[in-house]
PDB file of N, CA and C in Angstrom:
ATOM      1  N   MET A   1     -48.352  28.249  -5.803  1.00  0.00           N
ATOM      2  CA  MET A   1     -48.641  27.281  -4.618  1.00  0.00           C
ATOM      3  C   MET A   1     -48.499  26.420  -5.201  1.00  0.00           C
ATOM      4  N   GLY A   2     -48.038  25.627  -4.456  1.00  0.00           N
ATOM      5  CA  GLY A   2     -48.015  23.813  -4.869  1.00  0.00           C
ATOM      6  C   GLY A   2     -49.180  23.184  -4.988  1.00  0.00           C
ATOM      7  N   LYS A   3     -49.066  21.748  -5.474  1.00  0.00           N
ATOM      8  CA  LYS A   3     -50.385  20.625  -5.503  1.00  0.00           C
ATOM      9  C   LYS A   3     -50.832  20.258  -4.018  1.00  0.00           C
ATOM     10  N   VAL A   4     -51.720  19.887  -4.119  1.00  0.00           N
ATOM     11  CA  VAL A   4     -52.936  19.644  -3.027  1.00  0.00           C
ATOM     12  C   VAL A   4     -52.116  18.178  -2.316  1.00  0.00           C
ATOM     13  N   GLY A   5     -51.437  18.421  -0.802  1.00  0.00           N
ATOM     14  CA  GLY A   5     -50.778  17.544  -0.163  1.00  0.00           C
ATOM     15  C   GLY A   5     -49.692  17.814  -0.839  1.00  0.00           C
ATOM     16  N   GLU A   6     -49.005  18.572  -1.017  1.00  0.00           N
ATOM     17  CA  GLU A   6     -47.328  18.908  -1.451  1.00  0.00           C
ATOM     18  C   GLU A   6     -46.835  19.773  -0.048  1.00  0.00           C
ATOM     19  N   THR A   7     -47.733  21.165   0.491  1.00  0.00           N
ATOM     20  CA  THR A   7     -47.939  21.779   0.962  1.00  0.00           C
ATOM     21  C   THR A   7     -47.335  20.949   2.145  1.00  0.00           C
ATOM     22  N   ARG A   8     -45.858  21.851   2.845  1.00  0.00           N
ATOM     23  CA  ARG A   8     -45.532  21.381   4.671  1.00  0.00           C
ATOM     24  C   ARG A   8     -45.887  22.328   5.268  1.00  0.00           C
ATOM     25  N   VAL A   9     -46.622  22.113   6.737  1.00  0.00           N
ATOM     26  CA  VAL A   9     -46.846  22.430   7.560  1.00  0.00           C
ATOM     27  C   VAL A   9     -46.485  22.400   9.038  1.00  0.00           C
ATOM     28  N   VAL A  10     -46.097  23.191   9.882  1.00  0.00           N
ATOM     29  CA  VAL A  10     -45.775  23.215  11.335  1.00  0.00           C
ATOM     30  C   VAL A  10     -47.217  23.051  11.884  1.00  0.00           C
ATOM     31  N   LEU A  11     -47.498  22.956  12.698  1.00  0.00           N
ATOM     32  CA  LEU A  11     -48.468  23.315  13.587  1.00  0.00           C
ATOM     33  C   LEU A  11     -47.853  23.090  15.074  1.00  0.00           C
ATOM     34  N   ASP A  12     -48.613  24.667  15.986  1.00  0.00           N
ATOM     35  CA  ASP A  12     -48.134  24.940  17.011  1.00  0.00           C
ATOM     36  C   ASP A  12     -48.349  23.980  18.558  1.00  0.00           C
ATOM     37  N   SER A  13     -47.478  23.906  19.116  1.00  0.00           N
ATOM     38  CA  SER A  13     -47.886  23.058  20.505  1.00  0.00           C
ATOM     39  C   SER A  13     -49.192  23.248  20.776  1.00  0.00           C
ATOM     40  N   ASN A  14     -49.625  24.474  21.029  1.00  0.00           N
ATOM     41  CA  ASN A  14     -51.051  24.385  21.309  1.00  0.00           C
ATOM     42  C   ASN A  14     -52.357  23.766  20.623  1.00  0.00           C
ATOM     43  N   ILE A  15     -52.107  24.206  18.861  1.00  0.00           N
ATOM     44  CA  ILE A  15     -53.167  23.387  18.214  1.00  0.00           C
ATOM     45  C   ILE A  15     -53.090  22.096  18.570  1.00  0.00           C
ATOM     46  N   TYR A  16     -52.141  21.055  18.232  1.00  0.00           N
ATOM     47  CA  TYR A  16     -51.776  20.034  18.780  1.00  0.00           C
ATOM     48  C   TYR A  16     -53.003  19.704  19.996  1.00  0.00           C
ATOM     49  N   ILE A  17     -52.743  20.638  21.176  1.00  0.00           N
ATOM     50  CA  ILE A  17     -53.640  20.207  22.704  1.00  0.00           C
ATOM     51  C   ILE A  17     -54.987  20.338  22.124  1.00  0.00           C
ATOM     52  N   SER A  18     -55.334  21.424  21.397  1.00  0.00           N
ATOM     53  CA  SER A  18     -56.998  21.667  21.748  1.00  0.00           C
ATOM     54  C   SER A  18     -57.584  20.908  20.974  1.00  0.00           C
ATOM     55  N   ALA A  19     -56.235  20.714  19.723  1.00  0.00           N
ATOM     56  CA  ALA A  19     -56.991  19.153  18.635  1.00  0.00           C
ATOM     57  C   ALA A  19     -57.660  18.088  19.438  1.00  0.00           C
ATOM     58  N   ILE A  20     -56.514  17.682  20.461  1.00  0.00           N
ATOM     59  CA  ILE A  20     -56.708  16.443  21.469  1.00  0.00           C
ATOM     60  C   ILE A  20     -57.325  17.024  22.386  1.00  0.00           C
ATOM     61  N   VAL A  21     -57.529  17.393  23.628  1.00  0.00           N
ATOM     62  CA  VAL A  21     -58.549  18.197  24.338  1.00  0.00           C
ATOM     63  C   VAL A  21     -60.090  18.424  23.943  1.00  0.00           C
ATOM     64  N   PHE A  22     -59.729  19.296  23.434  1.00  0.00           N
ATOM     65  CA  PHE A  22     -60.826  20.392  23.091  1.00  0.00           C
ATOM     66  C   PHE A  22     -61.677  20.286  21.608  1.00  0.00           C
ATOM     67  N   GLY A  23     -61.260  19.333  20.390  1.00  0.00           N
ATOM     68  CA  GLY A  23     -61.355  19.156  19.537  1.00  0.00           C
ATOM     69  C   GLY A  23     -61.883  20.174  17.954  1.00  0.00           C
ATOM     70  N   GLY A  24     -63.027  20.923  17.604  1.00  0.00           N
ATOM     71  CA  GLY A  24     -63.137  21.847  17.518  1.00  0.00           C
ATOM     72  C   GLY A  24     -62.372  21.898  16.110  1.00  0.00           C
ATOM     73  N   LYS A  25     -62.113  23.693  15.407  1.00  0.00           N
ATOM     74  CA  LYS A  25     -61.430  23.500  14.582  1.00  0.00           C
ATOM     75  C   LYS A  25     -59.762  23.142  14.527  1.00  0.00           C
ATOM     76  N   PRO A  26     -59.153  23.252  15.345  1.00  0.00           N
ATOM     77  CA  PRO A  26     -57.455  22.503  15.373  1.00  0.00           C
ATOM     78  C   PRO A  26     -57.584  21.293  15.478  1.00  0.00           C
ATOM     79  N   LEU A  27     -58.772  19.716  15.763  1.00  0.00           N
ATOM     80  CA  LEU A  27     -58.895  18.894  15.105  1.00  0.00           C
ATOM     81  C   LEU A  27     -59.461  18.967  14.101  1.00  0.00           C
ATOM     82  N   ARG A  28     -59.943  19.934  13.566  1.00  0.00           N
ATOM     83  CA  ARG A  28     -60.072  19.902  11.698  1.00  0.00           C
ATOM     84  C   ARG A  28     -59.012  19.866  11.170  1.00  0.00           C
ATOM     85  N   ALA A  29     -57.841  20.813  11.325  1.00  0.00           N
ATOM     86  CA  ALA A  29     -56.239  20.901  10.780  1.00  0.00           C
ATOM     87  C   ALA A  29     -55.875  19.836  10.743  1.00  0.00           C
ATOM     88  N   VAL A  30     -55.856  19.116  11.682  1.00  0.00           N
ATOM     89  CA  VAL A  30     -55.096  17.773  11.705  1.00  0.00           C
ATOM     90  C   VAL A  30     -55.775  16.536  11.005  1.00  0.00           C
ATOM     91  N   GLN A  31     -57.080  16.669  11.019  1.00  0.00           N
ATOM     92  CA  GLN A  31     -57.861  15.674  10.583  1.00  0.00           C
ATOM     93  C   GLN A  31     -57.772  15.946   8.693  1.00  0.00           C
ATOM     94  N   LEU A  32     -57.168  17.408   8.568  1.00  0.00           N
ATOM     95  CA  LEU A  32     -57.122  17.760   6.814  1.00  0.00           C
ATOM     96  C   LEU A  32     -56.050  17.159   6.701  1.00  0.00           C
ATOM     97  N   ALA A  33     -54.635  17.176   7.739  1.00  0.00           N
ATOM     98  CA  ALA A  33     -53.348  15.971   7.053  1.00  0.00           C
ATOM     99  C   ALA A  33     -53.735  15.246   7.173  1.00  0.00           C
ATOM    100  N   GLU A  34     -54.264  14.771   8.176  1.00  0.00           N
ATOM    101  CA  GLU A  34     -54.568  12.948   7.603  1.00  0.00           C
ATOM    102  C   GLU A  34     -55.241  12.498   6.639  1.00  0.00           C
ATOM    103  N   GLN A  35     -56.251  13.638   5.848  1.00  0.00           N
ATOM    104  CA  GLN A  35     -56.752  13.159   4.988  1.00  0.00           C
ATOM    105  C   GLN A  35     -55.797  13.796   3.277  1.00  0.00           C
ATOM    106  N   GLY A  36     -54.523  14.301   3.447  1.00  0.00           N
ATOM    107  CA  GLY A  36     -53.669  14.432   2.902  1.00  0.00           C
ATOM    108  C   GLY A  36     -53.949  15.933   2.236  1.00  0.00           C
ATOM    109  N   ALA A  37     -54.702  16.720   2.668  1.00  0.00           N
ATOM    110  CA  ALA A  37     -54.551  17.822   2.168  1.00  0.00           C
ATOM    111  C   ALA A  37     -53.085  18.625   2.467  1.00  0.00           C
ATOM    112  N   PHE A  38     -52.542  18.322   3.193  1.00  0.00           N
ATOM    113  CA  PHE A  38     -50.884  19.292   3.345  1.00  0.00           C
ATOM    114  C   PHE A  38     -50.384  18.028   4.489  1.00  0.00           C
ATOM    115  N   ILE A  39     -49.178  18.098   3.699  1.00  0.00           N
ATOM    116  CA  ILE A  39     -48.015  17.421   4.700  1.00  0.00           C
ATOM    117  C   ILE A  39     -47.449  18.151   6.512  1.00  0.00           C
ATOM    118  N   LEU A  40     -48.008  17.220   7.560  1.00  0.00           N
ATOM    119  CA  LEU A  40     -47.890  18.194   8.775  1.00  0.00           C
ATOM    120  C   LEU A  40     -47.005  16.751   8.936  1.00  0.00           C
ATOM    121  N   LEU A  41     -45.778  18.241   9.818  1.00  0.00           N
ATOM    122  CA  LEU A  41     -44.041  18.221  10.207  1.00  0.00           C
ATOM    123  C   LEU A  41     -44.824  18.271  11.277  1.00  0.00           C
ATOM    124  N   ILE A  42     -43.470  17.134  12.629  1.00  0.00           N
ATOM    125  CA  ILE A  42     -44.092  17.273  13.835  1.00  0.00           C
ATOM    126  C   ILE A  42     -42.350  17.055  13.844  1.00  0.00           C
ATOM    127  N   SER A  43     -41.284  17.997  15.023  1.00  0.00           N
ATOM    128  CA  SER A  43     -40.217  17.475  15.339  1.00  0.00           C
ATOM    129  C   SER A  43     -40.797  16.579  16.812  1.00  0.00           C
ATOM    130  N   CYS A  44     -39.006  16.157  17.417  1.00  0.00           N
ATOM    131  CA  CYS A  44     -39.669  15.390  18.756  1.00  0.00           C
ATOM    132  C   CYS A  44     -39.230  15.966  19.655  1.00  0.00           C
ATOM    133  N   PRO A  45     -38.505  17.544  20.083  1.00  0.00           N
ATOM    134  CA  PRO A  45     -38.992  18.338  20.677  1.00  0.00           C
ATOM    135  C   PRO A  45     -40.703  18.047  20.637  1.00  0.00           C
ATOM    136  N   LEU A  46     -41.476  19.191  19.789  1.00  0.00           N
ATOM    137  CA  LEU A  46     -42.541  19.265  19.626  1.00  0.00           C
ATOM    138  C   LEU A  46     -43.541  18.637  20.291  1.00  0.00           C
ATOM    139  N   GLN A  47     -43.300  17.461  20.062  1.00  0.00           N
ATOM    140  CA  GLN A  47     -44.074  15.971  20.676  1.00  0.00           C
ATOM    141  C   GLN A  47     -43.741  15.963  22.110  1.00  0.00           C
ATOM    142  N   ALA A  48     -42.596  15.662  22.626  1.00  0.00           N
ATOM    143  CA  ALA A  48     -42.092  15.542  23.934  1.00  0.00           C
ATOM    144  C   ALA A  48     -42.577  16.995  24.587  1.00  0.00           C
ATOM    145  N   GLU A  49     -43.283  18.093  24.337  1.00  0.00           N
ATOM    146  CA  GLU A  49     -43.862  19.741  25.181  1.00  0.00           C
ATOM    147  C   GLU A  49     -45.165  18.917  24.848  1.00  0.00           C
ATOM    148  N   VAL A  50     -46.039  18.620  23.564  1.00  0.00           N
ATOM    149  CA  VAL A  50     -47.643  18.298  23.672  1.00  0.00           C
ATOM    150  C   VAL A  50     -47.321  17.086  24.836  1.00  0.00           C
ATOM    151  N   ARG A  51     -46.612  15.871  25.269  1.00  0.00           N
ATOM    152  CA  ARG A  51     -46.716  15.326  26.194  1.00  0.00           C
ATOM    153  C   ARG A  51     -46.325  15.459  27.507  1.00  0.00           C
ATOM    154  N   ARG A  52     -45.694  16.359  27.176  1.00  0.00           N
ATOM    155  CA  ARG A  52     -45.229  16.944  28.794  1.00  0.00           C
ATOM    156  C   ARG A  52     -46.843  17.596  29.315  1.00  0.00           C
ATOM    157  N   ILE A  53     -47.056  18.512  28.291  1.00  0.00           N
ATOM    158  CA  ILE A  53     -48.568  19.804  28.655  1.00  0.00           C
ATOM    159  C   ILE A  53     -49.445  18.836  28.587  1.00  0.00           C
ATOM    160  N   LEU A  54     -49.399  17.844  27.971  1.00  0.00           N
ATOM    161  CA  LEU A  54     -50.967  17.015  28.599  1.00  0.00           C
ATOM    162  C   LEU A  54     -50.948  16.751  30.031  1.00  0.00           C
ATOM    163  N   ALA A  55     -49.694  15.863  29.952  1.00  0.00           N
ATOM    164  CA  ALA A  55     -50.036  15.415  31.348  1.00  0.00           C
ATOM    165  C   ALA A  55     -49.512  16.452  32.601  1.00  0.00           C
ATOM    166  N   LYS A  56     -48.960  17.546  32.187  1.00  0.00           N
ATOM    167  CA  LYS A  56     -48.454  18.009  33.494  1.00  0.00           C
ATOM    168  C   LYS A  56     -50.008  18.924  33.600  1.00  0.00           C
ATOM    169  N   LYS A  57     -50.529  19.930  32.655  1.00  0.00           N
ATOM    170  CA  LYS A  57     -52.006  20.318  32.739  1.00  0.00           C
ATOM    171  C   LYS A  57     -53.303  19.911  33.106  1.00  0.00           C
ATOM    172  N   PHE A  58     -52.909  19.304  32.055  1.00  0.00           N
ATOM    173  CA  PHE A  58     -54.619  18.034  31.609  1.00  0.00           C
ATOM    174  C   PHE A  58     -54.726  16.952  32.520  1.00  0.00           C
ATOM    175  N   GLY A  59     -53.855  16.189  33.162  1.00  0.00           N
ATOM    176  CA  GLY A  59     -53.705  15.109  33.626  1.00  0.00           C
ATOM    177  C   GLY A  59     -53.564  13.818  32.899  1.00  0.00           C
ATOM    178  N   TYR A  60     -53.433  13.483  31.786  1.00  0.00           N
ATOM    179  CA  TYR A  60     -53.156  12.385  31.071  1.00  0.00           C
ATOM    180  C   TYR A  60     -51.956  11.655  31.848  1.00  0.00           C
ATOM    181  N   SER A  61     -52.775  10.879  31.652  1.00  0.00           N
ATOM    182  CA  SER A  61     -51.748   9.293  32.319  1.00  0.00           C
ATOM    183  C   SER A  61     -50.796   8.991  30.615  1.00  0.00           C
ATOM    184  N   SER A  62     -49.648   8.541  31.222  1.00  0.00           N
ATOM    185  CA  SER A  62     -49.016   7.866  30.176  1.00  0.00           C
ATOM    186  C   SER A  62     -49.613   7.312  28.753  1.00  0.00           C
ATOM    187  N   ALA A  63     -50.301   6.325  29.314  1.00  0.00           N
ATOM    188  CA  ALA A  63     -51.002   5.487  28.691  1.00  0.00           C
ATOM    189  C   ALA A  63     -52.617   5.720  27.494  1.00  0.00           C
ATOM    190  N   MET A  64     -52.913   7.522  28.213  1.00  0.00           N
ATOM    191  CA  MET A  64     -53.638   7.891  27.531  1.00  0.00           C
ATOM    192  C   MET A  64     -53.032   9.116  26.345  1.00  0.00           C
ATOM    193  N   ILE A  65     -51.728   9.628  26.748  1.00  0.00           N
ATOM    194  CA  ILE A  65     -50.552   9.882  26.232  1.00  0.00           C
ATOM    195  C   ILE A  65     -50.504   9.324  24.259  1.00  0.00           C
ATOM    196  N   GLN A  66     -50.010   8.106  25.143  1.00  0.00           N
ATOM    197  CA  GLN A  66     -49.716   7.132  23.641  1.00  0.00           C
ATOM    198  C   GLN A  66     -50.522   6.980  23.173  1.00  0.00           C
ATOM    199  N   CYS A  67     -51.974   6.534  23.436  1.00  0.00           N
ATOM    200  CA  CYS A  67     -52.978   6.484  22.230  1.00  0.00           C
ATOM    201  C   CYS A  67     -53.660   7.447  21.588  1.00  0.00           C
ATOM    202  N   ARG A  68     -53.395   9.164  22.251  1.00  0.00           N
ATOM    203  CA  ARG A  68     -53.908  10.168  21.836  1.00  0.00           C
ATOM    204  C   ARG A  68     -52.824  11.347  20.928  1.00  0.00           C
ATOM    205  N   VAL A  69     -51.637  11.704  21.438  1.00  0.00           N
ATOM    206  CA  VAL A  69     -50.417  11.847  20.564  1.00  0.00           C
ATOM    207  C   VAL A  69     -50.573  12.120  19.272  1.00  0.00           C
ATOM    208  N   ILE A  70     -50.623  13.077  18.670  1.00  0.00           N
ATOM    209  CA  ILE A  70     -51.002  13.101  16.812  1.00  0.00           C
ATOM    210  C   ILE A  70     -49.536  11.934  16.373  1.00  0.00           C
ATOM    211  N   ALA A  71     -49.889  10.989  15.345  1.00  0.00           N
ATOM    212  CA  ALA A  71     -49.364  10.044  15.650  1.00  0.00           C
ATOM    213  C   ALA A  71     -48.239   9.305  16.316  1.00  0.00           C
ATOM    214  N   PRO A  72     -48.680   8.797  16.748  1.00  0.00           N
ATOM    215  CA  PRO A  72     -48.236   7.770  17.786  1.00  0.00           C
ATOM    216  C   PRO A  72     -47.173   6.801  16.691  1.00  0.00           C
ATOM    217  N   GLY A  73     -45.837   5.809  17.231  1.00  0.00           N
ATOM    218  CA  GLY A  73     -45.160   5.342  16.663  1.00  0.00           C
ATOM    219  C   GLY A  73     -44.770   5.860  15.125  1.00  0.00           C
ATOM    220  N   ALA A  74     -44.883   7.311  14.637  1.00  0.00           N
ATOM    221  CA  ALA A  74     -44.234   8.280  13.102  1.00  0.00           C
ATOM    222  C   ALA A  74     -42.514   8.084  13.497  1.00  0.00           C
ATOM    223  N   GLN A  75     -42.051   7.322  12.843  1.00  0.00           N
ATOM    224  CA  GLN A  75     -40.429   7.743  12.363  1.00  0.00           C
ATOM    225  C   GLN A  75     -40.627   8.770  10.934  1.00  0.00           C
ATOM    226  N   PRO A  76     -39.878   9.495  11.926  1.00  0.00           N
ATOM    227  CA  PRO A  76     -39.153  10.931  10.466  1.00  0.00           C
ATOM    228  C   PRO A  76     -38.667   9.922   9.492  1.00  0.00           C
ATOM    229  N   LYS A  77     -39.002  10.639   7.916  1.00  0.00           N
ATOM    230  CA  LYS A  77     -37.697   9.836   6.870  1.00  0.00           C
ATOM    231  C   LYS A  77     -36.674  10.186   6.814  1.00  0.00           C
ATOM    232  N   LYS A  78     -36.269  11.447   7.263  1.00  0.00           N
ATOM    233  CA  LYS A  78     -35.245  12.050   7.110  1.00  0.00           C
ATOM    234  C   LYS A  78     -35.068  13.229   8.136  1.00  0.00           C
ATOM    235  N   SER A  79     -34.009  13.836   8.718  1.00  0.00           N
ATOM    236  CA  SER A  79     -33.785  14.395   9.458  1.00  0.00           C
ATOM    237  C   SER A  79     -33.627  15.860   8.695  1.00  0.00           C
ATOM    238  N   LEU A  80     -33.477  16.913   9.326  1.00  0.00           N
ATOM    239  CA  LEU A  80     -33.349  18.070   8.801  1.00  0.00           C
ATOM    240  C   LEU A  80     -32.356  18.612   8.954  1.00  0.00           C
ATOM    241  N   ARG A  81     -31.432  18.246   9.702  1.00  0.00           N
ATOM    242  CA  ARG A  81     -30.413  18.867  10.898  1.00  0.00           C
ATOM    243  C   ARG A  81     -29.176  18.602   9.803  1.00  0.00           C
TER     244      ARG A  81
END
């Protein structure tokens, strides 16, 4: 098993949405990544899906989404393609 902070994790879009809208254990998972417990990976298509669902299903405005979506403004260090 890798050292703390070296494990890479991809969360499903439902986890991000639940973290943003409801909190609880999904939010705790995101907070653990922010604290360095593991490296959180998110793709541009996954971010787009989260943004789309927040707007369509939960009525979030563009401004609310910009403030709430995980890692706003984050830029990838390298492409996996």
